Amino acid sequence: MGWTDGRNVRIDTRWGGANADDIRKYAAELVALAPDVILAAGNAPVERLLQATRTMPIVFVFAIDPVGSGIVDSLSQPGGNATGFMQFEYSLTAKWLELLKQIAPGVTRAAVLRDAAVAASSPSSSPWRHRSAWR
């Protein structure tokens, strides 16, 4: 697009990994730089950025359930200063089970491993309410 870092665009990068203190520190540093927009990957960085600013635009990627975790008000009308893309659309999880059954018809049981600390969307969208897909 004709952008050259340091000439007509400035890109500052921070990587906090899984260290909560670093994520908090880097969020404050980025907000202090007063960029036009901040791109953040994952829930923890977005949540720390939202604690640091409610005016600077934040675009997130790989967020898990941004509505349930309080990052945005809704997917269609995010409100506030954050918007972006979520990693999974939980309402599609029942479809994942249907697809699994189609490609592996012999499968009769499935297990789920998830982080209970991450907000889940409404129980009605849970695939595990759709056990009939396995019968």
N, C-alpha and C. Protein backbone atom coordinates (compact mmCIF):
# COMPACT_ATOMS: atom_id res chain seq x y z
N MET A 1 0.82 -1.20 0.00
CA MET A 1 0.00 0.00 0.00
C MET A 1 0.86 1.25 0.00
N GLY A 2 2.14 1.09 -0.20
CA GLY A 2 3.01 2.24 -0.25
C GLY A 2 3.47 2.75 1.11
N TRP A 3 3.21 2.00 2.15
CA TRP A 3 3.62 2.43 3.47
C TRP A 3 5.03 1.95 3.75
N THR A 4 5.83 2.81 4.35
CA THR A 4 7.18 2.46 4.74
C THR A 4 7.37 2.81 6.21
N ASP A 5 7.68 1.79 7.01
CA ASP A 5 7.84 2.01 8.44
C ASP A 5 8.92 3.05 8.69
N GLY A 6 8.58 4.06 9.46
CA GLY A 6 9.51 5.12 9.78
C GLY A 6 9.42 6.31 8.83
N ARG A 7 8.77 6.14 7.69
CA ARG A 7 8.64 7.25 6.74
C ARG A 7 7.20 7.77 6.74
N ASN A 8 6.24 6.95 6.35
CA ASN A 8 4.86 7.43 6.31
C ASN A 8 3.93 6.58 7.19
N VAL A 9 4.52 5.68 7.97
CA VAL A 9 3.78 4.91 8.97
C VAL A 9 4.77 4.51 10.06
N ARG A 10 4.25 4.43 11.26
CA ARG A 10 5.10 3.99 12.37
C ARG A 10 4.43 2.79 13.01
N ILE A 11 5.16 1.72 13.14
CA ILE A 11 4.64 0.51 13.75
C ILE A 11 5.49 0.19 14.98
N ASP A 12 4.85 0.26 16.13
CA ASP A 12 5.50 -0.09 17.39
C ASP A 12 4.93 -1.41 17.86
N THR A 13 5.79 -2.34 18.19
CA THR A 13 5.36 -3.68 18.56
C THR A 13 5.76 -4.00 19.99
N ARG A 14 4.86 -4.62 20.70
CA ARG A 14 5.15 -5.12 22.04
C ARG A 14 4.66 -6.56 22.09
N TRP A 15 5.35 -7.41 22.84
CA TRP A 15 4.95 -8.80 22.99
C TRP A 15 5.01 -9.16 24.47
N GLY A 16 3.86 -9.34 25.07
CA GLY A 16 3.80 -9.64 26.49
C GLY A 16 3.77 -11.12 26.80
N GLY A 17 3.59 -11.94 25.76
CA GLY A 17 3.49 -13.38 26.01
C GLY A 17 2.37 -13.66 26.99
N ALA A 18 2.61 -14.50 27.94
CA ALA A 18 1.60 -14.83 28.95
C ALA A 18 1.85 -14.10 30.27
N ASN A 19 2.75 -13.14 30.25
CA ASN A 19 3.11 -12.42 31.48
C ASN A 19 2.17 -11.25 31.69
N ALA A 20 1.29 -11.35 32.69
CA ALA A 20 0.28 -10.31 32.94
C ALA A 20 0.91 -8.95 33.23
N ASP A 21 2.02 -8.94 33.96
CA ASP A 21 2.69 -7.66 34.27
C ASP A 21 3.22 -7.00 33.01
N ASP A 22 3.82 -7.79 32.12
CA ASP A 22 4.33 -7.24 30.87
C ASP A 22 3.20 -6.72 29.99
N ILE A 23 2.11 -7.48 29.93
CA ILE A 23 0.96 -7.05 29.12
C ILE A 23 0.44 -5.72 29.62
N ARG A 24 0.29 -5.57 30.91
CA ARG A 24 -0.18 -4.31 31.51
C ARG A 24 0.79 -3.17 31.21
N LYS A 25 2.08 -3.43 31.38
CA LYS A 25 3.11 -2.42 31.13
C LYS A 25 3.11 -1.99 29.66
N TYR A 26 3.07 -2.96 28.76
CA TYR A 26 3.10 -2.64 27.33
C TYR A 26 1.83 -1.94 26.87
N ALA A 27 0.71 -2.29 27.45
CA ALA A 27 -0.54 -1.60 27.11
C ALA A 27 -0.41 -0.12 27.47
N ALA A 28 0.11 0.17 28.64
CA ALA A 28 0.30 1.57 29.06
C ALA A 28 1.29 2.28 28.15
N GLU A 29 2.37 1.59 27.77
CA GLU A 29 3.36 2.19 26.87
C GLU A 29 2.74 2.54 25.52
N LEU A 30 1.97 1.61 24.96
CA LEU A 30 1.37 1.87 23.65
C LEU A 30 0.36 3.01 23.71
N VAL A 31 -0.43 3.06 24.73
CA VAL A 31 -1.40 4.16 24.87
C VAL A 31 -0.66 5.48 25.01
N ALA A 32 0.44 5.50 25.75
CA ALA A 32 1.23 6.73 25.93
C ALA A 32 1.82 7.23 24.61
N LEU A 33 2.03 6.34 23.65
CA LEU A 33 2.55 6.75 22.34
C LEU A 33 1.49 7.46 21.50
N ALA A 34 0.23 7.38 21.91
CA ALA A 34 -0.90 8.03 21.23
C ALA A 34 -0.99 7.67 19.74
N PRO A 35 -1.03 6.38 19.43
CA PRO A 35 -1.15 6.00 18.02
C PRO A 35 -2.57 6.27 17.50
N ASP A 36 -2.73 6.21 16.19
CA ASP A 36 -4.05 6.37 15.58
C ASP A 36 -4.93 5.16 15.87
N VAL A 37 -4.31 3.98 15.98
CA VAL A 37 -5.04 2.73 16.24
C VAL A 37 -4.08 1.74 16.86
N ILE A 38 -4.62 0.83 17.67
CA ILE A 38 -3.82 -0.24 18.27
C ILE A 38 -4.42 -1.57 17.82
N LEU A 39 -3.58 -2.47 17.37
CA LEU A 39 -3.98 -3.83 17.00
C LEU A 39 -3.52 -4.73 18.13
N ALA A 40 -4.44 -5.53 18.66
CA ALA A 40 -4.11 -6.43 19.77
C ALA A 40 -4.59 -7.83 19.46
N ALA A 41 -3.80 -8.81 19.87
CA ALA A 41 -4.16 -10.22 19.65
C ALA A 41 -4.44 -10.88 20.99
N GLY A 42 -5.64 -11.42 21.12
CA GLY A 42 -6.00 -12.14 22.34
C GLY A 42 -6.75 -11.29 23.35
N ASN A 43 -7.43 -11.94 24.26
CA ASN A 43 -8.26 -11.25 25.23
C ASN A 43 -7.46 -10.43 26.24
N ALA A 44 -6.41 -11.01 26.81
CA ALA A 44 -5.69 -10.32 27.88
C ALA A 44 -5.14 -8.96 27.42
N PRO A 45 -4.48 -8.87 26.27
CA PRO A 45 -4.00 -7.56 25.84
C PRO A 45 -5.13 -6.55 25.60
N VAL A 46 -6.23 -7.02 25.02
CA VAL A 46 -7.35 -6.10 24.76
C VAL A 46 -7.93 -5.60 26.08
N GLU A 47 -8.09 -6.50 27.04
CA GLU A 47 -8.64 -6.10 28.33
C GLU A 47 -7.74 -5.09 29.02
N ARG A 48 -6.41 -5.26 28.95
CA ARG A 48 -5.48 -4.30 29.56
C ARG A 48 -5.51 -2.97 28.82
N LEU A 49 -5.63 -3.03 27.50
CA LEU A 49 -5.72 -1.79 26.72
C LEU A 49 -7.00 -1.02 27.06
N LEU A 50 -8.10 -1.74 27.24
CA LEU A 50 -9.35 -1.08 27.59
C LEU A 50 -9.29 -0.47 28.99
N GLN A 51 -8.46 -1.02 29.86
CA GLN A 51 -8.25 -0.41 31.17
C GLN A 51 -7.43 0.87 31.03
N ALA A 52 -6.55 0.90 30.03
CA ALA A 52 -5.67 2.04 29.83
C ALA A 52 -6.31 3.17 29.04
N THR A 53 -7.26 2.85 28.15
CA THR A 53 -7.91 3.89 27.34
C THR A 53 -9.31 3.46 26.95
N ARG A 54 -10.21 4.42 26.97
CA ARG A 54 -11.57 4.19 26.48
C ARG A 54 -11.87 5.09 25.28
N THR A 55 -10.81 5.70 24.73
CA THR A 55 -11.01 6.59 23.58
C THR A 55 -10.21 6.18 22.35
N MET A 56 -9.04 5.63 22.54
CA MET A 56 -8.18 5.24 21.43
C MET A 56 -8.73 3.99 20.75
N PRO A 57 -8.83 3.97 19.41
CA PRO A 57 -9.37 2.78 18.72
C PRO A 57 -8.48 1.55 18.90
N ILE A 58 -9.13 0.45 19.26
CA ILE A 58 -8.45 -0.83 19.43
C ILE A 58 -9.12 -1.83 18.50
N VAL A 59 -8.31 -2.48 17.66
CA VAL A 59 -8.80 -3.54 16.79
C VAL A 59 -8.20 -4.84 17.31
N PHE A 60 -9.05 -5.81 17.61
CA PHE A 60 -8.54 -7.06 18.16
C PHE A 60 -8.71 -8.20 17.16
N VAL A 61 -7.81 -9.16 17.28
CA VAL A 61 -7.90 -10.41 16.53
C VAL A 61 -7.75 -11.54 17.53
N PHE A 62 -8.27 -12.69 17.19
CA PHE A 62 -8.16 -13.88 18.03
C PHE A 62 -8.76 -13.71 19.42
N ALA A 63 -9.77 -12.89 19.55
CA ALA A 63 -10.45 -12.77 20.84
C ALA A 63 -11.40 -13.94 21.01
N ILE A 64 -11.51 -14.42 22.22
CA ILE A 64 -12.43 -15.50 22.53
C ILE A 64 -13.66 -14.89 23.18
N ASP A 65 -14.80 -15.07 22.57
CA ASP A 65 -16.08 -14.60 23.07
C ASP A 65 -15.99 -13.15 23.56
N PRO A 66 -15.77 -12.20 22.65
CA PRO A 66 -15.61 -10.80 23.07
C PRO A 66 -16.84 -10.22 23.76
N VAL A 67 -18.02 -10.73 23.47
CA VAL A 67 -19.23 -10.24 24.15
C VAL A 67 -19.26 -10.80 25.58
N GLY A 68 -19.12 -12.10 25.71
CA GLY A 68 -19.15 -12.74 27.02
C GLY A 68 -18.04 -12.28 27.94
N SER A 69 -16.90 -11.93 27.38
CA SER A 69 -15.78 -11.47 28.21
C SER A 69 -15.83 -9.97 28.48
N GLY A 70 -16.81 -9.29 27.90
CA GLY A 70 -16.99 -7.86 28.19
C GLY A 70 -16.16 -6.92 27.35
N ILE A 71 -15.51 -7.42 26.31
CA ILE A 71 -14.70 -6.55 25.45
C ILE A 71 -15.59 -5.63 24.63
N VAL A 72 -16.69 -6.17 24.10
CA VAL A 72 -17.65 -5.38 23.31
C VAL A 72 -19.06 -5.66 23.82
N ASP A 73 -19.97 -4.74 23.51
CA ASP A 73 -21.37 -4.90 23.91
C ASP A 73 -22.08 -5.97 23.09
N SER A 74 -21.83 -5.98 21.79
CA SER A 74 -22.41 -6.98 20.90
C SER A 74 -21.52 -7.07 19.67
N LEU A 75 -21.70 -8.12 18.88
CA LEU A 75 -20.90 -8.27 17.67
C LEU A 75 -21.34 -7.30 16.59
N SER A 76 -22.63 -7.04 16.49
CA SER A 76 -23.12 -6.14 15.45
C SER A 76 -22.94 -4.67 15.81
N GLN A 77 -22.97 -4.35 17.08
CA GLN A 77 -22.79 -2.97 17.56
C GLN A 77 -21.82 -3.02 18.73
N PRO A 78 -20.51 -3.06 18.44
CA PRO A 78 -19.54 -3.26 19.52
C PRO A 78 -19.55 -2.17 20.58
N GLY A 79 -19.87 -0.93 20.17
CA GLY A 79 -19.84 0.16 21.14
C GLY A 79 -18.42 0.42 21.60
N GLY A 80 -18.23 1.44 22.37
CA GLY A 80 -16.90 1.73 22.92
C GLY A 80 -15.85 1.95 21.85
N ASN A 81 -14.62 1.65 22.19
CA ASN A 81 -13.49 1.91 21.30
C ASN A 81 -12.81 0.65 20.77
N ALA A 82 -13.44 -0.51 20.99
CA ALA A 82 -12.83 -1.76 20.53
C ALA A 82 -13.74 -2.45 19.53
N THR A 83 -13.12 -3.03 18.53
CA THR A 83 -13.83 -3.84 17.54
C THR A 83 -12.85 -4.85 16.98
N GLY A 84 -13.35 -5.86 16.33
CA GLY A 84 -12.40 -6.80 15.75
C GLY A 84 -13.02 -8.12 15.39
N PHE A 85 -12.19 -9.16 15.46
CA PHE A 85 -12.56 -10.49 15.02
C PHE A 85 -12.38 -11.47 16.17
N MET A 86 -13.33 -12.36 16.30
CA MET A 86 -13.20 -13.38 17.32
C MET A 86 -12.66 -14.65 16.72
N GLN A 87 -12.06 -15.46 17.57
CA GLN A 87 -11.43 -16.68 17.10
C GLN A 87 -12.47 -17.71 16.68
N PHE A 88 -13.53 -17.85 17.44
CA PHE A 88 -14.56 -18.84 17.14
C PHE A 88 -15.92 -18.21 17.30
N GLU A 89 -16.83 -18.60 16.49
CA GLU A 89 -18.24 -18.20 16.64
C GLU A 89 -18.92 -19.36 17.34
N TYR A 90 -19.17 -19.20 18.63
CA TYR A 90 -19.68 -20.31 19.43
C TYR A 90 -20.99 -20.88 18.92
N SER A 91 -21.81 -20.07 18.28
CA SER A 91 -23.08 -20.59 17.80
C SER A 91 -22.88 -21.62 16.68
N LEU A 92 -21.68 -21.70 16.12
CA LEU A 92 -21.40 -22.68 15.07
C LEU A 92 -20.88 -24.00 15.61
N THR A 93 -20.67 -24.10 16.90
CA THR A 93 -20.04 -25.31 17.43
C THR A 93 -20.89 -26.55 17.21
N ALA A 94 -22.20 -26.42 17.20
CA ALA A 94 -23.03 -27.59 16.89
C ALA A 94 -22.75 -28.08 15.47
N LYS A 95 -22.49 -27.14 14.57
CA LYS A 95 -22.16 -27.50 13.19
C LYS A 95 -20.84 -28.27 13.13
N TRP A 96 -19.88 -27.92 13.99
CA TRP A 96 -18.62 -28.65 14.01
C TRP A 96 -18.87 -30.12 14.32
N LEU A 97 -19.78 -30.38 15.26
CA LEU A 97 -20.11 -31.77 15.59
C LEU A 97 -20.76 -32.48 14.41
N GLU A 98 -21.64 -31.79 13.71
CA GLU A 98 -22.27 -32.38 12.54
C GLU A 98 -21.22 -32.73 11.48
N LEU A 99 -20.28 -31.81 11.25
CA LEU A 99 -19.23 -32.06 10.27
C LEU A 99 -18.34 -33.22 10.69
N LEU A 100 -18.01 -33.27 11.97
CA LEU A 100 -17.21 -34.38 12.48
C LEU A 100 -17.93 -35.70 12.23
N LYS A 101 -19.21 -35.73 12.49
CA LYS A 101 -19.99 -36.96 12.28
C LYS A 101 -20.01 -37.36 10.81
N GLN A 102 -20.04 -36.36 9.92
CA GLN A 102 -20.04 -36.67 8.48
C GLN A 102 -18.70 -37.23 8.01
N ILE A 103 -17.60 -36.67 8.51
CA ILE A 103 -16.30 -37.13 8.03
C ILE A 103 -15.78 -38.35 8.79
N ALA A 104 -16.33 -38.57 9.99
CA ALA A 104 -15.93 -39.74 10.78
C ALA A 104 -17.17 -40.36 11.40
N PRO A 105 -17.98 -41.04 10.59
CA PRO A 105 -19.26 -41.57 11.07
C PRO A 105 -19.13 -42.57 12.22
N GLY A 106 -17.98 -43.15 12.39
CA GLY A 106 -17.79 -44.11 13.48
C GLY A 106 -17.62 -43.46 14.84
N VAL A 107 -17.40 -42.17 14.87
CA VAL A 107 -17.21 -41.47 16.14
C VAL A 107 -18.55 -41.40 16.88
N THR A 108 -18.54 -41.83 18.12
CA THR A 108 -19.77 -41.79 18.92
C THR A 108 -19.64 -40.91 20.15
N ARG A 109 -18.42 -40.54 20.50
CA ARG A 109 -18.20 -39.68 21.67
C ARG A 109 -17.13 -38.66 21.35
N ALA A 110 -17.28 -37.48 21.92
CA ALA A 110 -16.28 -36.42 21.77
C ALA A 110 -16.07 -35.77 23.13
N ALA A 111 -14.89 -35.26 23.36
CA ALA A 111 -14.58 -34.57 24.61
C ALA A 111 -14.13 -33.15 24.28
N VAL A 112 -14.32 -32.28 25.23
CA VAL A 112 -13.95 -30.88 25.04
C VAL A 112 -13.02 -30.47 26.17
N LEU A 113 -11.97 -29.81 25.83
CA LEU A 113 -11.05 -29.24 26.81
C LEU A 113 -11.08 -27.74 26.60
N ARG A 114 -11.50 -26.99 27.59
CA ARG A 114 -11.57 -25.54 27.44
C ARG A 114 -11.18 -24.88 28.74
N ASP A 115 -10.83 -23.63 28.66
CA ASP A 115 -10.44 -22.84 29.81
C ASP A 115 -11.69 -22.28 30.47
N ALA A 116 -12.04 -22.76 31.64
CA ALA A 116 -13.25 -22.32 32.33
C ALA A 116 -13.16 -20.85 32.75
N ALA A 117 -11.93 -20.29 32.78
CA ALA A 117 -11.77 -18.89 33.16
C ALA A 117 -12.21 -17.95 32.04
N VAL A 118 -12.31 -18.47 30.81
CA VAL A 118 -12.74 -17.66 29.67
C VAL A 118 -14.25 -17.74 29.59
N ALA A 119 -14.87 -16.59 29.53
CA ALA A 119 -16.33 -16.55 29.47
C ALA A 119 -16.82 -17.31 28.25
N ALA A 120 -17.84 -18.09 28.45
CA ALA A 120 -18.47 -18.80 27.33
C ALA A 120 -19.71 -18.04 26.94
N SER A 121 -20.10 -18.18 25.69
CA SER A 121 -21.31 -17.51 25.27
C SER A 121 -22.51 -18.23 25.87
N SER A 122 -23.68 -17.82 25.52
CA SER A 122 -24.89 -18.31 26.16
C SER A 122 -24.98 -19.84 26.10
N PRO A 123 -25.53 -20.45 27.15
CA PRO A 123 -25.65 -21.90 27.18
C PRO A 123 -26.43 -22.45 26.00
N SER A 124 -27.34 -21.69 25.45
CA SER A 124 -28.14 -22.20 24.33
C SER A 124 -27.29 -22.40 23.08
N SER A 125 -26.12 -21.76 23.02
CA SER A 125 -25.28 -21.94 21.84
C SER A 125 -24.25 -23.05 22.03
N SER A 126 -24.24 -23.66 23.20
CA SER A 126 -23.28 -24.72 23.47
C SER A 126 -23.59 -25.94 22.62
N PRO A 127 -22.57 -26.56 22.02
CA PRO A 127 -22.82 -27.75 21.21
C PRO A 127 -23.28 -28.91 22.07
N TRP A 128 -22.99 -28.87 23.34
CA TRP A 128 -23.27 -29.99 24.20
C TRP A 128 -24.76 -30.03 24.58
N ARG A 129 -25.51 -29.01 24.20
CA ARG A 129 -26.96 -29.03 24.35
C ARG A 129 -27.59 -29.75 23.16
N HIS A 130 -26.79 -30.08 22.16
CA HIS A 130 -27.30 -30.67 20.93
C HIS A 130 -26.84 -32.12 20.82
N ARG A 131 -27.03 -32.88 21.87
CA ARG A 131 -26.57 -34.27 21.91
C ARG A 131 -27.25 -35.11 20.83
N SER A 132 -28.40 -34.68 20.35
CA SER A 132 -29.09 -35.49 19.34
C SER A 132 -28.27 -35.62 18.06
N ALA A 133 -27.32 -34.73 17.85
CA ALA A 133 -26.47 -34.83 16.66
C ALA A 133 -25.65 -36.11 16.70
N TRP A 134 -25.48 -36.71 17.86
CA TRP A 134 -24.65 -37.90 17.99
C TRP A 134 -25.46 -39.19 17.99
N ARG A 135 -26.76 -39.08 17.88
CA ARG A 135 -27.59 -40.30 17.92
C ARG A 135 -27.89 -40.82 16.56
